[in-house]
């Protein structure tokens, strides 16, 4: 198993950096699309009364390619069970 830099995100104003190290070749990007729009003035209230809005957060999830099991060029994504 080889671990490599899968993704890197930089926030230029604060200098914050997020790096994802993984043995998986793909990454799924989530954008908090399900949260309320700021124009709705109805945020989700979190810990310490922090307000959460649409696109106010994101997530990077390392994984294999979604259709890898059906592609010849991808490494095997199969689970073999021997009874």
N, C-alpha and C. Protein backbone atom coordinates (compact mmCIF):
# COMPACT_ATOMS: atom_id res chain seq x y z
N UNK A 1 0.84 -1.17 0.00
CA UNK A 1 0.00 0.00 0.00
C UNK A 1 0.90 1.24 0.00
N UNK A 2 0.63 2.15 -0.93
CA UNK A 2 1.39 3.39 -1.04
C UNK A 2 0.49 4.55 -0.65
N UNK A 3 0.95 5.37 0.28
CA UNK A 3 0.20 6.56 0.69
C UNK A 3 0.81 7.76 -0.04
N UNK A 4 -0.04 8.57 -0.65
CA UNK A 4 0.44 9.74 -1.39
C UNK A 4 -0.51 10.91 -1.17
N UNK A 5 -0.08 12.10 -1.59
CA UNK A 5 -0.90 13.30 -1.48
C UNK A 5 -2.03 13.19 -2.48
N UNK A 6 -3.24 13.04 -1.99
CA UNK A 6 -4.42 12.88 -2.83
C UNK A 6 -5.00 14.24 -3.20
N UNK A 7 -5.07 15.17 -2.23
CA UNK A 7 -5.69 16.49 -2.44
C UNK A 7 -5.01 17.52 -1.56
N UNK A 8 -5.08 18.77 -2.01
CA UNK A 8 -4.55 19.89 -1.22
C UNK A 8 -5.42 21.10 -1.46
N UNK A 9 -5.84 21.76 -0.37
CA UNK A 9 -6.65 22.98 -0.45
C UNK A 9 -5.94 24.05 0.36
N UNK A 10 -5.84 25.26 -0.20
CA UNK A 10 -5.21 26.38 0.49
C UNK A 10 -6.19 27.53 0.60
N UNK A 11 -6.23 28.16 1.77
CA UNK A 11 -7.01 29.38 1.97
C UNK A 11 -6.00 30.50 2.08
N UNK A 12 -5.94 31.34 1.06
CA UNK A 12 -4.83 32.29 0.93
C UNK A 12 -4.84 33.41 1.97
N UNK A 13 -6.00 33.84 2.42
CA UNK A 13 -6.03 34.95 3.40
C UNK A 13 -5.46 34.54 4.75
N UNK A 14 -5.86 33.37 5.24
CA UNK A 14 -5.39 32.94 6.56
C UNK A 14 -4.13 32.08 6.49
N UNK A 15 -3.87 31.50 5.31
CA UNK A 15 -2.73 30.61 5.16
C UNK A 15 -3.03 29.18 5.57
N UNK A 16 -4.30 28.88 5.89
CA UNK A 16 -4.66 27.51 6.28
C UNK A 16 -4.51 26.58 5.09
N UNK A 17 -4.08 25.35 5.39
CA UNK A 17 -3.88 24.33 4.36
C UNK A 17 -4.50 23.03 4.85
N UNK A 18 -5.18 22.35 3.94
CA UNK A 18 -5.71 21.01 4.22
C UNK A 18 -5.10 20.07 3.20
N UNK A 19 -4.44 19.03 3.66
CA UNK A 19 -3.89 18.01 2.78
C UNK A 19 -4.50 16.66 3.13
N UNK A 20 -4.88 15.92 2.11
CA UNK A 20 -5.43 14.58 2.31
C UNK A 20 -4.41 13.58 1.78
N UNK A 21 -3.93 12.72 2.65
CA UNK A 21 -3.02 11.65 2.27
C UNK A 21 -3.82 10.36 2.24
N UNK A 22 -3.65 9.57 1.18
CA UNK A 22 -4.48 8.38 1.04
C UNK A 22 -3.81 7.37 0.13
N UNK A 23 -4.30 6.13 0.20
CA UNK A 23 -3.89 5.11 -0.75
C UNK A 23 -4.92 4.98 -1.87
N UNK A 24 -5.97 5.81 -1.85
CA UNK A 24 -7.02 5.79 -2.86
C UNK A 24 -6.74 6.84 -3.94
N UNK A 25 -7.06 6.53 -5.20
CA UNK A 25 -6.73 7.45 -6.30
C UNK A 25 -7.72 8.59 -6.52
N UNK A 26 -8.95 8.43 -6.05
CA UNK A 26 -9.99 9.43 -6.32
C UNK A 26 -10.34 10.24 -5.08
N UNK A 27 -11.12 11.30 -5.31
CA UNK A 27 -11.60 12.11 -4.19
C UNK A 27 -13.01 12.59 -4.50
N UNK A 28 -13.88 12.52 -3.51
CA UNK A 28 -15.24 13.04 -3.63
C UNK A 28 -15.25 14.38 -2.90
N UNK A 29 -15.83 15.41 -3.53
CA UNK A 29 -15.84 16.76 -2.98
C UNK A 29 -17.28 17.13 -2.62
N UNK A 30 -17.53 17.38 -1.34
CA UNK A 30 -18.84 17.78 -0.85
C UNK A 30 -18.80 19.26 -0.47
N UNK A 31 -19.91 19.98 -0.71
CA UNK A 31 -19.89 21.43 -0.54
C UNK A 31 -20.95 22.00 0.39
N UNK A 32 -21.57 21.23 1.25
CA UNK A 32 -22.61 21.70 2.16
C UNK A 32 -23.77 22.33 1.39
N UNK A 33 -24.10 21.74 0.27
CA UNK A 33 -25.18 22.22 -0.58
C UNK A 33 -26.54 22.16 0.09
N UNK A 34 -26.70 21.27 1.06
CA UNK A 34 -28.00 21.04 1.71
C UNK A 34 -28.30 22.07 2.79
N UNK A 35 -27.33 22.89 3.18
CA UNK A 35 -27.57 23.89 4.23
C UNK A 35 -28.36 25.07 3.66
N UNK A 36 -29.02 25.87 4.52
CA UNK A 36 -29.84 26.98 4.06
C UNK A 36 -29.01 28.08 3.39
N UNK A 37 -29.63 28.76 2.41
CA UNK A 37 -29.00 29.92 1.78
C UNK A 37 -28.92 31.06 2.79
N UNK A 38 -27.86 31.87 2.76
CA UNK A 38 -27.80 33.03 3.66
C UNK A 38 -28.99 33.98 3.48
N UNK A 39 -29.55 34.05 2.27
CA UNK A 39 -30.69 34.94 2.02
C UNK A 39 -31.95 34.48 2.75
N UNK A 40 -32.01 33.23 3.17
CA UNK A 40 -33.18 32.71 3.87
C UNK A 40 -33.22 33.13 5.34
N UNK A 41 -32.11 33.62 5.86
CA UNK A 41 -32.01 34.09 7.24
C UNK A 41 -32.51 33.05 8.24
N UNK A 42 -32.20 31.78 7.96
CA UNK A 42 -32.61 30.68 8.83
C UNK A 42 -31.48 29.65 8.91
N UNK A 43 -30.34 30.03 9.50
CA UNK A 43 -29.19 29.12 9.50
C UNK A 43 -29.39 27.93 10.41
N UNK A 44 -28.55 26.93 10.23
CA UNK A 44 -28.47 25.84 11.18
C UNK A 44 -27.53 26.32 12.29
N UNK A 45 -27.96 26.21 13.52
CA UNK A 45 -27.17 26.68 14.66
C UNK A 45 -26.39 25.51 15.24
N UNK A 46 -25.08 25.69 15.33
CA UNK A 46 -24.20 24.65 15.84
C UNK A 46 -23.67 24.96 17.22
N UNK A 47 -22.61 24.29 17.57
CA UNK A 47 -21.97 24.45 18.87
C UNK A 47 -21.54 25.91 19.06
N UNK A 48 -21.70 26.41 20.26
CA UNK A 48 -21.37 27.81 20.60
C UNK A 48 -22.14 28.81 19.75
N UNK A 49 -23.33 28.40 19.30
CA UNK A 49 -24.24 29.25 18.51
C UNK A 49 -23.64 29.71 17.18
N UNK A 50 -22.73 28.93 16.63
CA UNK A 50 -22.16 29.22 15.31
C UNK A 50 -23.22 28.97 14.25
N UNK A 51 -23.34 29.87 13.27
CA UNK A 51 -24.33 29.74 12.19
C UNK A 51 -23.69 29.06 10.99
N UNK A 52 -24.38 28.05 10.46
CA UNK A 52 -23.89 27.32 9.30
C UNK A 52 -24.79 27.59 8.11
N UNK A 53 -24.17 27.95 6.97
CA UNK A 53 -24.87 28.32 5.75
C UNK A 53 -24.46 27.43 4.59
N UNK A 54 -25.25 27.49 3.54
CA UNK A 54 -24.94 26.79 2.29
C UNK A 54 -23.55 27.20 1.81
N UNK A 55 -22.77 26.21 1.42
CA UNK A 55 -21.39 26.38 0.93
C UNK A 55 -20.46 26.97 1.98
N UNK A 56 -20.85 26.91 3.24
CA UNK A 56 -20.00 27.42 4.32
C UNK A 56 -19.00 26.40 4.82
N UNK A 57 -19.01 25.22 4.22
CA UNK A 57 -18.09 24.15 4.62
C UNK A 57 -17.88 23.22 3.44
N UNK A 58 -16.87 22.40 3.53
CA UNK A 58 -16.65 21.38 2.49
C UNK A 58 -15.97 20.18 3.11
N UNK A 59 -15.98 19.10 2.36
CA UNK A 59 -15.37 17.86 2.82
C UNK A 59 -14.70 17.18 1.62
N UNK A 60 -13.54 16.62 1.84
CA UNK A 60 -12.86 15.82 0.83
C UNK A 60 -12.82 14.38 1.32
N UNK A 61 -13.37 13.48 0.53
CA UNK A 61 -13.43 12.07 0.92
C UNK A 61 -12.66 11.23 -0.09
N UNK A 62 -11.54 10.68 0.34
CA UNK A 62 -10.73 9.84 -0.53
C UNK A 62 -11.44 8.51 -0.77
N UNK A 63 -11.43 8.08 -2.01
CA UNK A 63 -12.06 6.81 -2.37
C UNK A 63 -11.54 6.35 -3.72
N UNK A 64 -11.93 5.14 -4.09
CA UNK A 64 -11.59 4.65 -5.42
C UNK A 64 -12.51 5.35 -6.42
N UNK A 65 -12.22 5.20 -7.69
CA UNK A 65 -13.08 5.80 -8.71
C UNK A 65 -14.46 5.15 -8.64
N UNK A 66 -15.55 5.92 -8.79
CA UNK A 66 -16.90 5.38 -8.60
C UNK A 66 -17.22 4.15 -9.44
N UNK A 67 -16.73 4.06 -10.66
CA UNK A 67 -17.04 2.95 -11.54
C UNK A 67 -15.83 2.03 -11.75
N UNK A 68 -14.91 2.02 -10.80
CA UNK A 68 -13.65 1.29 -10.96
C UNK A 68 -13.85 -0.19 -11.20
N UNK A 69 -14.85 -0.77 -10.58
CA UNK A 69 -15.06 -2.21 -10.70
C UNK A 69 -15.36 -2.63 -12.14
N UNK A 70 -15.88 -1.70 -12.95
CA UNK A 70 -16.24 -2.00 -14.34
C UNK A 70 -15.21 -1.51 -15.37
N UNK A 71 -14.09 -0.98 -14.91
CA UNK A 71 -13.10 -0.42 -15.81
C UNK A 71 -11.82 -1.25 -15.83
N UNK A 72 -11.30 -1.51 -17.01
CA UNK A 72 -10.08 -2.31 -17.15
C UNK A 72 -8.86 -1.56 -16.64
N UNK A 73 -8.81 -0.23 -16.82
CA UNK A 73 -7.62 0.54 -16.48
C UNK A 73 -7.45 0.78 -14.98
N UNK A 74 -8.46 0.48 -14.17
CA UNK A 74 -8.39 0.71 -12.73
C UNK A 74 -7.91 -0.54 -12.01
N UNK A 75 -7.29 -0.32 -10.86
CA UNK A 75 -6.93 -1.44 -10.00
C UNK A 75 -8.20 -2.10 -9.50
N UNK A 76 -8.11 -3.33 -9.13
CA UNK A 76 -9.27 -4.08 -8.67
C UNK A 76 -9.89 -3.43 -7.43
N UNK A 77 -11.19 -3.31 -7.46
CA UNK A 77 -11.95 -2.78 -6.35
C UNK A 77 -12.88 -3.85 -5.79
N UNK A 78 -12.57 -5.09 -6.09
CA UNK A 78 -13.45 -6.20 -5.72
C UNK A 78 -13.08 -6.75 -4.35
N UNK A 79 -14.09 -7.31 -3.69
CA UNK A 79 -13.88 -8.02 -2.44
C UNK A 79 -14.12 -9.49 -2.74
N UNK A 80 -13.15 -10.33 -2.46
CA UNK A 80 -13.28 -11.76 -2.73
C UNK A 80 -13.57 -12.49 -1.42
N UNK A 81 -14.66 -13.24 -1.40
CA UNK A 81 -15.05 -14.01 -0.22
C UNK A 81 -14.96 -15.50 -0.58
N UNK A 82 -14.18 -16.22 0.21
CA UNK A 82 -14.02 -17.65 0.00
C UNK A 82 -14.71 -18.38 1.13
N UNK A 83 -15.68 -19.24 0.80
CA UNK A 83 -16.41 -20.01 1.82
C UNK A 83 -15.89 -21.42 1.90
